[in-house]
C-alpha atoms as a PDB file:
ATOM      1  CA  MET A   1     -35.753  87.737 -93.415  1.00  0.00           C
ATOM      2  CA  TRP A   2     -34.112  85.273 -91.051  1.00  0.00           C
ATOM      3  CA  THR A   3     -30.582  84.246 -92.050  1.00  0.00           C
ATOM      4  CA  ALA A   4     -29.620  80.664 -91.321  1.00  0.00           C
ATOM      5  CA  PRO A   5     -26.514  80.066 -89.189  1.00  0.00           C
ATOM      6  CA  PRO A   6     -23.484  78.655 -91.071  1.00  0.00           C
ATOM      7  CA  ALA A   7     -23.169  75.432 -89.065  1.00  0.00           C
ATOM      8  CA  LYS A   8     -25.172  73.129 -86.822  1.00  0.00           C
ATOM      9  CA  LEU A   9     -26.240  74.595 -83.493  1.00  0.00           C
ATOM     10  CA  ARG A  10     -26.825  72.466 -80.409  1.00  0.00           C
ATOM     11  CA  THR A  11     -26.843  72.604 -76.616  1.00  0.00           C
ATOM     12  CA  GLY A  12     -23.754  74.395 -75.331  1.00  0.00           C
ATOM     13  CA  ALA A  13     -23.333  76.684 -78.342  1.00  0.00           C
ATOM     14  CA  LYS A  14     -22.997  80.422 -77.702  1.00  0.00           C
ATOM     15  CA  GLY A  15     -22.828  83.595 -79.735  1.00  0.00           C
ATOM     16  CA  ALA A  16     -24.592  85.708 -82.319  1.00  0.00           C
ATOM     17  CA  ALA A  17     -25.911  82.745 -84.322  1.00  0.00           C
ATOM     18  CA  VAL A  18     -27.615  81.350 -81.211  1.00  0.00           C
ATOM     19  CA  LEU A  19     -29.071  84.753 -80.388  1.00  0.00           C
ATOM     20  CA  ALA A  20     -30.498  84.998 -83.922  1.00  0.00           C
ATOM     21  CA  LEU A  21     -31.932  81.485 -83.557  1.00  0.00           C
ATOM     22  CA  GLN A  22     -33.598  82.359 -80.259  1.00  0.00           C
ATOM     23  CA  GLN A  23     -35.065  85.541 -81.690  1.00  0.00           C
ATOM     24  CA  ARG A  24     -36.437  83.671 -84.697  1.00  0.00           C
ATOM     25  CA  LEU A  25     -37.994  80.982 -82.487  1.00  0.00           C
ATOM     26  CA  THR A  26     -39.642  83.695 -80.392  1.00  0.00           C
ATOM     27  CA  GLU A  27     -40.872  85.450 -83.536  1.00  0.00           C
ATOM     28  CA  LEU A  28     -42.577  82.232 -84.652  1.00  0.00           C
ATOM     29  CA  GLY A  29     -44.153  81.675 -81.223  1.00  0.00           C
ATOM     30  CA  TYR A  30     -41.901  78.907 -79.905  1.00  0.00           C
ATOM     31  CA  TRP A  31     -41.410  79.818 -76.262  1.00  0.00           C
ATOM     32  CA  ASN A  32     -37.756  79.749 -75.205  1.00  0.00           C
ATOM     33  CA  GLY A  33     -37.472  82.313 -72.447  1.00  0.00           C
ATOM     34  CA  LYS A  34     -35.233  85.328 -72.900  1.00  0.00           C
ATOM     35  CA  ALA A  35     -32.867  85.417 -75.877  1.00  0.00           C
ATOM     36  CA  ASP A  36     -29.359  85.490 -74.392  1.00  0.00           C
ATOM     37  CA  GLY A  37     -27.104  83.902 -77.028  1.00  0.00           C
ATOM     38  CA  SER A  38     -26.626  80.713 -74.999  1.00  0.00           C
ATOM     39  CA  PHE A  39     -28.129  77.425 -76.295  1.00  0.00           C
ATOM     40  CA  GLY A  40     -29.489  75.837 -73.115  1.00  0.00           C
ATOM     41  CA  GLN A  41     -32.453  73.666 -72.147  1.00  0.00           C
ATOM     42  CA  LEU A  42     -35.115  76.218 -73.052  1.00  0.00           C
ATOM     43  CA  THR A  43     -33.718  76.722 -76.545  1.00  0.00           C
ATOM     44  CA  GLN A  44     -33.528  72.967 -76.969  1.00  0.00           C
ATOM     45  CA  GLN A  45     -37.181  72.646 -75.897  1.00  0.00           C
ATOM     46  CA  ALA A  46     -38.203  75.253 -78.473  1.00  0.00           C
ATOM     47  CA  VAL A  47     -36.194  73.480 -81.191  1.00  0.00           C
ATOM     48  CA  TYR A  48     -37.920  70.207 -80.268  1.00  0.00           C
ATOM     49  CA  ALA A  49     -41.283  71.968 -80.664  1.00  0.00           C
ATOM     50  CA  LEU A  50     -40.324  73.370 -84.074  1.00  0.00           C
ATOM     51  CA  GLN A  51     -39.083  69.966 -85.229  1.00  0.00           C
ATOM     52  CA  LYS A  52     -42.354  68.383 -84.097  1.00  0.00           C
ATOM     53  CA  ALA A  53     -44.411  70.993 -85.948  1.00  0.00           C
ATOM     54  CA  ALA A  54     -42.325  70.419 -89.086  1.00  0.00           C
ATOM     55  CA  GLY A  55     -42.494  66.615 -88.876  1.00  0.00           C
ATOM     56  CA  LEU A  56     -38.719  66.302 -88.490  1.00  0.00           C
ATOM     57  CA  SER A  57     -36.655  63.980 -86.328  1.00  0.00           C
ATOM     58  CA  ARG A  58     -36.589  65.374 -82.783  1.00  0.00           C
ATOM     59  CA  ASP A  59     -32.909  65.701 -81.918  1.00  0.00           C
ATOM     60  CA  GLY A  60     -32.852  69.299 -80.646  1.00  0.00           C
ATOM     61  CA  VAL A  61     -30.051  70.155 -83.094  1.00  0.00           C
ATOM     62  CA  VAL A  62     -30.415  72.946 -85.647  1.00  0.00           C
ATOM     63  CA  GLY A  63     -29.165  71.357 -88.873  1.00  0.00           C
ATOM     64  CA  ALA A  64     -30.140  71.910 -92.515  1.00  0.00           C
ATOM     65  CA  LYS A  65     -33.751  70.660 -92.258  1.00  0.00           C
ATOM     66  CA  THR A  66     -34.455  72.581 -89.062  1.00  0.00           C
ATOM     67  CA  ARG A  67     -32.907  75.734 -90.566  1.00  0.00           C
ATOM     68  CA  LYS A  68     -35.238  75.317 -93.554  1.00  0.00           C
ATOM     69  CA  ALA A  69     -38.235  75.035 -91.197  1.00  0.00           C
ATOM     70  CA  LEU A  70     -37.116  78.195 -89.399  1.00  0.00           C
ATOM     71  CA  ALA A  71     -36.633  80.096 -92.641  1.00  0.00           C
ATOM     72  CA  GLY A  72     -40.017  78.887 -93.902  1.00  0.00           C
ATOM     73  CA  GLY A  73     -41.785  79.980 -90.726  1.00  0.00           C
ATOM     74  CA  VAL A  74     -43.240  76.552 -89.906  1.00  0.00           C
ATOM     75  CA  ARG A  75     -45.915  76.655 -87.208  1.00  0.00           C
ATOM     76  CA  PRO A  76     -48.529  74.113 -86.108  1.00  0.00           C
ATOM     77  CA  LYS A  77     -52.220  74.667 -86.754  1.00  0.00           C
ATOM     78  CA  ALA A  78     -54.804  75.257 -84.052  1.00  0.00           C
ATOM     79  CA  LYS A  79     -58.130  73.408 -83.899  1.00  0.00           C
ATOM     80  CA  SER A  80     -60.114  75.925 -81.864  1.00  0.00           C
ATOM     81  CA  ASP A  81     -61.321  79.098 -83.556  1.00  0.00           C
ATOM     82  CA  SER A  82     -62.962  81.144 -80.807  1.00  0.00           C
ATOM     83  CA  GLY A  83     -62.046  82.194 -77.298  1.00  0.00           C
ATOM     84  CA  TYR A  84     -58.914  81.399 -75.324  1.00  0.00           C
ATOM     85  CA  VAL A  85     -57.978  77.698 -75.312  1.00  0.00           C
ATOM     86  CA  VAL A  86     -54.981  75.682 -74.197  1.00  0.00           C
ATOM     87  CA  GLU A  87     -54.593  72.985 -76.862  1.00  0.00           C
ATOM     88  CA  ILE A  88     -52.659  69.774 -76.230  1.00  0.00           C
ATOM     89  CA  ASN A  89     -51.775  68.047 -79.495  1.00  0.00           C
ATOM     90  CA  LYS A  90     -50.863  64.477 -78.560  1.00  0.00           C
ATOM     91  CA  LYS A  91     -49.761  63.439 -82.054  1.00  0.00           C
ATOM     92  CA  LYS A  92     -47.216  66.249 -82.304  1.00  0.00           C
ATOM     93  CA  GLN A  93     -46.600  66.418 -78.522  1.00  0.00           C
ATOM     94  CA  LEU A  94     -47.158  70.168 -78.369  1.00  0.00           C
ATOM     95  CA  ILE A  95     -48.997  72.553 -76.052  1.00  0.00           C
ATOM     96  CA  MET A  96     -50.353  75.696 -77.704  1.00  0.00           C
ATOM     97  CA  LEU A  97     -51.930  78.789 -76.210  1.00  0.00           C
ATOM     98  CA  VAL A  98     -54.609  79.793 -78.711  1.00  0.00           C
ATOM     99  CA  ASP A  99     -56.687  82.983 -78.737  1.00  0.00           C
ATOM    100  CA  ASP A 100     -59.562  83.184 -81.266  1.00  0.00           C
ATOM    101  CA  GLY A 101     -57.832  80.632 -83.480  1.00  0.00           C
ATOM    102  CA  GLU A 102     -54.458  82.417 -83.393  1.00  0.00           C
ATOM    103  CA  ILE A 103     -51.573  80.560 -81.765  1.00  0.00           C
ATOM    104  CA  GLN A 104     -49.826  82.826 -79.255  1.00  0.00           C
ATOM    105  CA  GLN A 105     -47.237  80.435 -77.785  1.00  0.00           C
ATOM    106  CA  ILE A 106     -46.000  76.928 -78.605  1.00  0.00           C
ATOM    107  CA  PHE A 107     -44.298  74.574 -76.122  1.00  0.00           C
ATOM    108  CA  ASN A 108     -42.673  71.182 -76.286  1.00  0.00           C
ATOM    109  CA  THR A 109     -44.548  68.745 -74.071  1.00  0.00           C
ATOM    110  CA  SER A 110     -44.553  65.084 -73.107  1.00  0.00           C
ATOM    111  CA  THR A 111     -47.921  63.393 -72.501  1.00  0.00           C
ATOM    112  CA  GLY A 112     -49.051  59.870 -71.582  1.00  0.00           C
ATOM    113  CA  SER A 113     -46.756  57.174 -72.950  1.00  0.00           C
ATOM    114  CA  GLY A 114     -49.495  54.605 -73.580  1.00  0.00           C
ATOM    115  CA  GLU A 115     -47.528  52.060 -71.549  1.00  0.00           C
ATOM    116  CA  ARG A 116     -48.745  50.030 -68.607  1.00  0.00           C
ATOM    117  CA  TYR A 117     -47.571  51.046 -65.121  1.00  0.00           C
ATOM    118  CA  GLN A 118     -48.126  49.911 -61.536  1.00  0.00           C
ATOM    119  CA  THR A 119     -50.489  51.963 -59.387  1.00  0.00           C
ATOM    120  CA  LYS A 120     -49.996  52.755 -55.699  1.00  0.00           C
ATOM    121  CA  ASP A 121     -52.523  50.065 -54.709  1.00  0.00           C
ATOM    122  CA  GLY A 122     -50.606  47.370 -56.574  1.00  0.00           C
ATOM    123  CA  GLY A 123     -52.775  47.308 -59.682  1.00  0.00           C
ATOM    124  CA  THR A 124     -51.890  48.385 -63.190  1.00  0.00           C
ATOM    125  CA  ALA A 125     -53.075  51.194 -65.438  1.00  0.00           C
ATOM    126  CA  ILE A 126     -52.331  52.611 -68.874  1.00  0.00           C
ATOM    127  CA  ALA A 127     -50.442  55.904 -69.019  1.00  0.00           C
ATOM    128  CA  SER A 128     -52.823  57.954 -71.153  1.00  0.00           C
ATOM    129  CA  THR A 129     -53.872  61.557 -71.664  1.00  0.00           C
ATOM    130  CA  PRO A 130     -57.526  61.207 -72.718  1.00  0.00           C
ATOM    131  CA  ALA A 131     -58.730  63.350 -75.596  1.00  0.00           C
ATOM    132  CA  GLY A 132     -61.584  65.716 -74.842  1.00  0.00           C
ATOM    133  CA  ARG A 133     -62.601  69.204 -73.817  1.00  0.00           C
ATOM    134  CA  TYR A 134     -61.960  70.243 -70.247  1.00  0.00           C
ATOM    135  CA  ARG A 135     -61.414  73.233 -67.978  1.00  0.00           C
ATOM    136  CA  VAL A 136     -58.732  73.965 -65.406  1.00  0.00           C
ATOM    137  CA  SER A 137     -60.449  73.007 -62.159  1.00  0.00           C
ATOM    138  CA  ARG A 138     -57.713  73.330 -59.521  1.00  0.00           C
ATOM    139  CA  GLN A 139     -54.073  74.251 -59.139  1.00  0.00           C
ATOM    140  CA  ILE A 140     -51.196  74.097 -56.679  1.00  0.00           C
ATOM    141  CA  ASP A 141     -48.627  76.888 -56.479  1.00  0.00           C
ATOM    142  CA  GLY A 142     -45.561  74.823 -55.643  1.00  0.00           C
ATOM    143  CA  TRP A 143     -44.303  71.245 -55.737  1.00  0.00           C
ATOM    144  CA  ARG A 144     -46.773  68.425 -55.319  1.00  0.00           C
ATOM    145  CA  ASP A 145     -45.305  65.095 -54.303  1.00  0.00           C
ATOM    146  CA  ALA A 146     -47.872  62.958 -56.123  1.00  0.00           C
ATOM    147  CA  PRO A 147     -47.991  59.138 -56.058  1.00  0.00           C
ATOM    148  CA  LEU A 148     -46.431  59.009 -59.538  1.00  0.00           C
ATOM    149  CA  GLY A 149     -43.805  61.712 -59.063  1.00  0.00           C
ATOM    150  CA  LEU A 150     -43.120  65.384 -58.431  1.00  0.00           C
ATOM    151  CA  LEU A 151     -45.301  67.983 -60.159  1.00  0.00           C
ATOM    152  CA  TRP A 152     -44.287  71.662 -60.279  1.00  0.00           C
ATOM    153  CA  ARG A 153     -47.164  74.165 -60.020  1.00  0.00           C
ATOM    154  CA  PRO A 154     -49.731  71.787 -61.565  1.00  0.00           C
ATOM    155  CA  LYS A 155     -52.856  73.030 -63.329  1.00  0.00           C
ATOM    156  CA  TYR A 156     -55.373  70.174 -63.158  1.00  0.00           C
ATOM    157  CA  PHE A 157     -57.927  69.879 -65.955  1.00  0.00           C
ATOM    158  CA  ASN A 158     -59.078  66.228 -65.906  1.00  0.00           C
ATOM    159  CA  GLY A 159     -59.157  64.622 -62.465  1.00  0.00           C
ATOM    160  CA  GLY A 160     -55.540  63.980 -61.501  1.00  0.00           C
ATOM    161  CA  ILE A 161     -54.217  64.941 -64.954  1.00  0.00           C
ATOM    162  CA  ALA A 162     -52.495  68.310 -65.143  1.00  0.00           C
ATOM    163  CA  VAL A 163     -50.216  70.544 -67.111  1.00  0.00           C
ATOM    164  CA  HIS A 164     -47.185  70.855 -64.821  1.00  0.00           C
ATOM    165  CA  GLY A 165     -43.506  71.677 -64.693  1.00  0.00           C
ATOM    166  CA  SER A 166     -40.915  68.914 -64.691  1.00  0.00           C
ATOM    167  CA  HIS A 167     -37.149  68.477 -64.871  1.00  0.00           C
ATOM    168  CA  SER A 168     -37.650  65.894 -67.643  1.00  0.00           C
ATOM    169  CA  ILE A 169     -39.486  66.823 -70.853  1.00  0.00           C
ATOM    170  CA  PRO A 170     -38.280  64.474 -73.593  1.00  0.00           C
ATOM    171  CA  PRO A 171     -39.398  65.040 -77.199  1.00  0.00           C
ATOM    172  CA  TYR A 172     -41.730  62.030 -77.051  1.00  0.00           C
ATOM    173  CA  ALA A 173     -44.671  60.776 -74.967  1.00  0.00           C
ATOM    174  CA  ALA A 174     -43.257  59.572 -71.646  1.00  0.00           C
ATOM    175  CA  SER A 175     -45.545  60.685 -68.797  1.00  0.00           C
ATOM    176  CA  HIS A 176     -48.158  58.803 -66.776  1.00  0.00           C
ATOM    177  CA  GLY A 177     -50.853  61.032 -68.284  1.00  0.00           C
ATOM    178  CA  CYS A 178     -50.006  64.609 -67.415  1.00  0.00           C
ATOM    179  CA  ALA A 179     -48.618  67.109 -69.927  1.00  0.00           C
ATOM    180  CA  ARG A 180     -45.132  68.157 -68.875  1.00  0.00           C
ATOM    181  CA  LEU A 181     -43.508  71.539 -69.449  1.00  0.00           C
ATOM    182  CA  SER A 182     -40.123  72.895 -68.398  1.00  0.00           C
ATOM    183  CA  ILE A 183     -39.969  74.486 -64.948  1.00  0.00           C
ATOM    184  CA  ALA A 184     -39.298  77.867 -66.559  1.00  0.00           C
ATOM    185  CA  ALA A 185     -42.232  77.549 -68.963  1.00  0.00           C
ATOM    186  CA  MET A 186     -44.579  76.628 -66.107  1.00  0.00           C
ATOM    187  CA  ASN A 187     -43.346  79.628 -64.125  1.00  0.00           C
ATOM    188  CA  TRP A 188     -44.002  81.866 -67.136  1.00  0.00           C
ATOM    189  CA  ILE A 189     -47.557  80.511 -67.451  1.00  0.00           C
ATOM    190  CA  TRP A 190     -48.234  81.209 -63.761  1.00  0.00           C
ATOM    191  CA  ASN A 191     -46.507  84.587 -63.689  1.00  0.00           C
ATOM    192  CA  ASN A 192     -48.399  85.819 -66.754  1.00  0.00           C
ATOM    193  CA  ASP A 193     -51.753  84.264 -65.738  1.00  0.00           C
ATOM    194  CA  LYS A 194     -51.922  82.263 -68.970  1.00  0.00           C
ATOM    195  CA  MET A 195     -53.868  79.327 -67.536  1.00  0.00           C
ATOM    196  CA  PRO A 196     -56.141  80.501 -64.702  1.00  0.00           C
ATOM    197  CA  LYS A 197     -58.869  78.328 -63.220  1.00  0.00           C
ATOM    198  CA  GLY A 198     -61.696  77.926 -65.686  1.00  0.00           C
ATOM    199  CA  THR A 199     -59.429  78.031 -68.748  1.00  0.00           C
ATOM    200  CA  ARG A 200     -60.632  75.771 -71.541  1.00  0.00           C
ATOM    201  CA  VAL A 201     -58.311  72.860 -72.351  1.00  0.00           C
ATOM    202  CA  ARG A 202     -58.686  70.816 -75.513  1.00  0.00           C
ATOM    203  CA  VAL A 203     -56.797  67.525 -75.841  1.00  0.00           C
ATOM    204  CA  TYR A 204     -56.660  65.709 -79.185  1.00  0.00           C
END
C-alpha cells in the first residue's frame, strides 16, 4: 500500500518522499524515467498525466487531491482492445501505449490548441490534431527544423503531424497539431522500439 507523503511535493523537492512518489507513479504506468528521489521535469510530467486522468487541476504539485488519486490507483481507460496501439486522448491530453486493451505506459502530452495560426505561405490554419485511426508512416532520428518549430525524433502518423519530443510540454493543448512529449520520453520510445513504423495510432 502506497503511503502518502506528509506535505506537498513539487519541482525541486528531494528525498525519500519523492522517491516513493516516483515509484508509485511508475507502478501505475505514468512514465517518469528512473526514480532518483529528485522532483524534476519528468516527475512533473508524470504528475500532470495523473492529474489529467483524475480530472484534477493540472498544477504539477502533489497535494491532498493528487495524493488521493495516487493512493486510489487512478489510471485512464483505453479505447482499443486488441493489438498494440498508441492512443492519443485529446480531451485528457494523454498519450497511452496500449497492448490488447491493457495500458502499458501513460505520458503527458500537448496536442493542437484549436487556435488560428499563420502558415509559411502567409495564409492561416487551425492548430488541430484530427481524430482518426492512423499508422506511423515515417520518422526522423534527430532534430527536424520544421516550418512551425523544432521537432525531436518525430514519428509521423498523419501527413505532417507527429508524436515528437519538445522542450515545452504544458499540461494543456498548445501545439500546432503534433503531440508533444518530453525529450527523455521520446528517447525512451525510440530506444525501446515502442513506436516503430507501421504502429497503429488512434486519436480521439
